[in-house]
Amino acid sequence: MAKLKQASIRFDLQTYKWLESEAEKTSTPISALVREGVVLLRAEKALMAQMRSQIEAQGVTYPSMKRPKLSEK
């Protein structure tokens, strides 16, 4: 079994109430809902990167496709 790490996450009240409601409706613990959300986010980011690569490979560029620069401190 994979080793799990524990983390503390703070949610705004509206998000936490939604998580509680969703957990009640689905009989799923909040931690499991958060893990599912992370899995979906990772899949979405991978898909977006794949789509960007395909668009760039076709030679198409748009100003909105520029990656934001990280601010240097």
N, C-alpha and C. Protein backbone atom coordinates (compact mmCIF):
# COMPACT_ATOMS: atom_id res chain seq x y z
N MET A 1 0.84 -1.18 0.00
CA MET A 1 0.00 0.00 0.00
C MET A 1 0.89 1.24 0.00
N ALA A 2 0.45 2.25 -0.72
CA ALA A 2 1.22 3.49 -0.81
C ALA A 2 1.24 4.22 0.52
N LYS A 3 2.36 4.86 0.78
CA LYS A 3 2.46 5.64 2.01
C LYS A 3 1.69 6.94 1.82
N LEU A 4 0.89 7.29 2.80
CA LEU A 4 0.11 8.51 2.74
C LEU A 4 0.74 9.57 3.63
N LYS A 5 0.66 10.80 3.20
CA LYS A 5 1.12 11.93 3.99
C LYS A 5 -0.10 12.72 4.43
N GLN A 6 -0.04 13.25 5.61
CA GLN A 6 -1.16 14.02 6.14
C GLN A 6 -0.89 15.51 5.96
N ALA A 7 -1.94 16.25 5.61
CA ALA A 7 -1.81 17.70 5.44
C ALA A 7 -3.05 18.37 6.00
N SER A 8 -2.86 19.58 6.44
CA SER A 8 -3.98 20.37 6.92
C SER A 8 -4.33 21.39 5.85
N ILE A 9 -5.60 21.48 5.51
CA ILE A 9 -6.05 22.41 4.47
C ILE A 9 -7.12 23.31 5.07
N ARG A 10 -7.04 24.58 4.79
CA ARG A 10 -8.06 25.51 5.26
C ARG A 10 -8.98 25.85 4.09
N PHE A 11 -10.28 25.82 4.35
CA PHE A 11 -11.28 26.16 3.35
C PHE A 11 -12.09 27.35 3.84
N ASP A 12 -12.56 28.17 2.90
CA ASP A 12 -13.49 29.22 3.31
C ASP A 12 -14.80 28.55 3.71
N LEU A 13 -15.62 29.26 4.44
CA LEU A 13 -16.83 28.67 5.02
C LEU A 13 -17.76 28.10 3.95
N GLN A 14 -17.93 28.81 2.85
CA GLN A 14 -18.82 28.34 1.78
C GLN A 14 -18.33 27.01 1.20
N THR A 15 -17.05 26.91 0.95
CA THR A 15 -16.48 25.67 0.41
C THR A 15 -16.62 24.53 1.40
N TYR A 16 -16.36 24.80 2.67
CA TYR A 16 -16.44 23.75 3.68
C TYR A 16 -17.87 23.25 3.83
N LYS A 17 -18.84 24.18 3.80
CA LYS A 17 -20.24 23.76 3.88
C LYS A 17 -20.61 22.90 2.68
N TRP A 18 -20.11 23.27 1.50
CA TRP A 18 -20.39 22.46 0.31
C TRP A 18 -19.77 21.07 0.47
N LEU A 19 -18.54 21.01 0.96
CA LEU A 19 -17.89 19.72 1.18
C LEU A 19 -18.67 18.86 2.17
N GLU A 20 -19.13 19.48 3.25
CA GLU A 20 -19.92 18.74 4.23
C GLU A 20 -21.21 18.20 3.60
N SER A 21 -21.86 19.03 2.84
CA SER A 21 -23.11 18.63 2.18
C SER A 21 -22.86 17.49 1.20
N GLU A 22 -21.80 17.63 0.41
CA GLU A 22 -21.46 16.60 -0.57
C GLU A 22 -21.08 15.30 0.12
N ALA A 23 -20.35 15.39 1.22
CA ALA A 23 -19.96 14.21 1.98
C ALA A 23 -21.18 13.49 2.53
N GLU A 24 -22.15 14.26 3.01
CA GLU A 24 -23.39 13.66 3.52
C GLU A 24 -24.18 12.97 2.41
N LYS A 25 -24.30 13.66 1.27
CA LYS A 25 -25.08 13.11 0.15
C LYS A 25 -24.48 11.82 -0.40
N THR A 26 -23.15 11.78 -0.44
CA THR A 26 -22.49 10.65 -1.08
C THR A 26 -21.95 9.61 -0.10
N SER A 27 -22.08 9.89 1.18
CA SER A 27 -21.51 9.02 2.22
C SER A 27 -20.01 8.81 2.00
N THR A 28 -19.35 9.89 1.60
CA THR A 28 -17.92 9.87 1.33
C THR A 28 -17.24 10.85 2.28
N PRO A 29 -16.17 10.47 2.94
CA PRO A 29 -15.47 11.41 3.82
C PRO A 29 -14.93 12.61 3.03
N ILE A 30 -14.85 13.75 3.72
CA ILE A 30 -14.34 14.96 3.07
C ILE A 30 -12.94 14.72 2.51
N SER A 31 -12.10 13.99 3.24
CA SER A 31 -10.74 13.74 2.77
C SER A 31 -10.74 12.99 1.44
N ALA A 32 -11.68 12.06 1.27
CA ALA A 32 -11.77 11.32 0.01
C ALA A 32 -12.24 12.24 -1.12
N LEU A 33 -13.16 13.15 -0.81
CA LEU A 33 -13.61 14.12 -1.82
C LEU A 33 -12.46 15.01 -2.27
N VAL A 34 -11.64 15.43 -1.32
CA VAL A 34 -10.49 16.27 -1.65
C VAL A 34 -9.50 15.49 -2.52
N ARG A 35 -9.24 14.23 -2.16
CA ARG A 35 -8.33 13.41 -2.97
C ARG A 35 -8.87 13.24 -4.39
N GLU A 36 -10.19 13.00 -4.53
CA GLU A 36 -10.80 12.88 -5.86
C GLU A 36 -10.63 14.17 -6.64
N GLY A 37 -10.80 15.30 -5.96
CA GLY A 37 -10.63 16.60 -6.61
C GLY A 37 -9.21 16.80 -7.11
N VAL A 38 -8.23 16.38 -6.33
CA VAL A 38 -6.83 16.51 -6.74
C VAL A 38 -6.55 15.63 -7.96
N VAL A 39 -7.10 14.43 -7.97
CA VAL A 39 -6.92 13.53 -9.12
C VAL A 39 -7.50 14.18 -10.38
N LEU A 40 -8.69 14.76 -10.26
CA LEU A 40 -9.31 15.42 -11.41
C LEU A 40 -8.50 16.63 -11.87
N LEU A 41 -7.99 17.41 -10.93
CA LEU A 41 -7.18 18.57 -11.27
C LEU A 41 -5.91 18.16 -12.01
N ARG A 42 -5.26 17.11 -11.53
CA ARG A 42 -4.04 16.63 -12.19
C ARG A 42 -4.34 16.15 -13.61
N ALA A 43 -5.46 15.45 -13.79
CA ALA A 43 -5.85 14.98 -15.12
C ALA A 43 -6.15 16.15 -16.04
N GLU A 44 -6.83 17.17 -15.51
CA GLU A 44 -7.16 18.35 -16.31
C GLU A 44 -5.90 19.08 -16.74
N LYS A 45 -4.96 19.25 -15.82
CA LYS A 45 -3.70 19.92 -16.16
C LYS A 45 -2.92 19.15 -17.22
N ALA A 46 -2.90 17.83 -17.13
CA ALA A 46 -2.21 17.01 -18.12
C ALA A 46 -2.88 17.15 -19.49
N LEU A 47 -4.20 17.15 -19.50
CA LEU A 47 -4.94 17.31 -20.75
C LEU A 47 -4.68 18.68 -21.37
N MET A 48 -4.68 19.72 -20.55
CA MET A 48 -4.41 21.07 -21.06
C MET A 48 -3.00 21.17 -21.64
N ALA A 49 -2.03 20.55 -20.99
CA ALA A 49 -0.66 20.55 -21.50
C ALA A 49 -0.59 19.81 -22.83
N GLN A 50 -1.30 18.70 -22.93
CA GLN A 50 -1.32 17.93 -24.18
C GLN A 50 -1.97 18.76 -25.30
N MET A 51 -3.06 19.42 -25.00
CA MET A 51 -3.74 20.24 -26.00
C MET A 51 -2.85 21.40 -26.44
N ARG A 52 -2.16 22.02 -25.48
CA ARG A 52 -1.25 23.12 -25.81
C ARG A 52 -0.15 22.64 -26.74
N SER A 53 0.41 21.48 -26.44
CA SER A 53 1.48 20.92 -27.28
C SER A 53 0.99 20.66 -28.69
N GLN A 54 -0.22 20.12 -28.81
CA GLN A 54 -0.78 19.85 -30.13
C GLN A 54 -0.98 21.15 -30.92
N ILE A 55 -1.48 22.18 -30.24
CA ILE A 55 -1.72 23.46 -30.91
C ILE A 55 -0.39 24.07 -31.33
N GLU A 56 0.59 24.05 -30.43
CA GLU A 56 1.90 24.62 -30.75
C GLU A 56 2.58 23.84 -31.86
N ALA A 57 2.39 22.52 -31.90
CA ALA A 57 2.99 21.69 -32.95
C ALA A 57 2.43 22.05 -34.33
N GLN A 58 1.22 22.57 -34.35
CA GLN A 58 0.61 22.98 -35.61
C GLN A 58 1.04 24.39 -36.01
N GLY A 59 1.84 25.02 -35.18
CA GLY A 59 2.35 26.35 -35.48
C GLY A 59 1.39 27.47 -35.12
N VAL A 60 0.37 27.18 -34.38
CA VAL A 60 -0.61 28.19 -34.00
C VAL A 60 -0.20 28.79 -32.65
N THR A 61 -0.19 30.10 -32.58
CA THR A 61 0.10 30.76 -31.30
C THR A 61 -0.88 31.90 -31.08
N TYR A 62 -1.24 32.09 -29.87
CA TYR A 62 -2.12 33.18 -29.47
C TYR A 62 -1.48 33.86 -28.27
N PRO A 63 -1.69 35.16 -28.11
CA PRO A 63 -1.13 35.83 -26.92
C PRO A 63 -1.60 35.18 -25.61
N SER A 64 -2.81 34.68 -25.59
CA SER A 64 -3.33 34.08 -24.35
C SER A 64 -2.65 32.74 -24.04
N MET A 65 -1.90 32.18 -24.98
CA MET A 65 -1.22 30.91 -24.74
C MET A 65 0.12 31.10 -24.05
N LYS A 66 0.57 32.34 -23.90
CA LYS A 66 1.85 32.58 -23.23
C LYS A 66 1.74 32.15 -21.79
N ARG A 67 2.74 31.44 -21.34
CA ARG A 67 2.77 31.02 -19.95
C ARG A 67 3.12 32.20 -19.06
N PRO A 68 2.41 32.37 -17.97
CA PRO A 68 2.74 33.49 -17.08
C PRO A 68 4.12 33.31 -16.46
N LYS A 69 4.86 34.41 -16.36
CA LYS A 69 6.19 34.36 -15.75
C LYS A 69 6.03 34.42 -14.25
N LEU A 70 6.80 33.61 -13.57
CA LEU A 70 6.81 33.64 -12.11
C LEU A 70 7.56 34.87 -11.65
N SER A 71 7.03 35.57 -10.69
CA SER A 71 7.70 36.77 -10.21
C SER A 71 8.97 36.38 -9.47
N GLU A 72 10.01 37.12 -9.74
CA GLU A 72 11.30 36.86 -9.08
C GLU A 72 11.39 37.70 -7.84
N LYS A 73 11.89 37.09 -6.78
CA LYS A 73 12.04 37.84 -5.51
C LYS A 73 13.48 38.04 -5.20
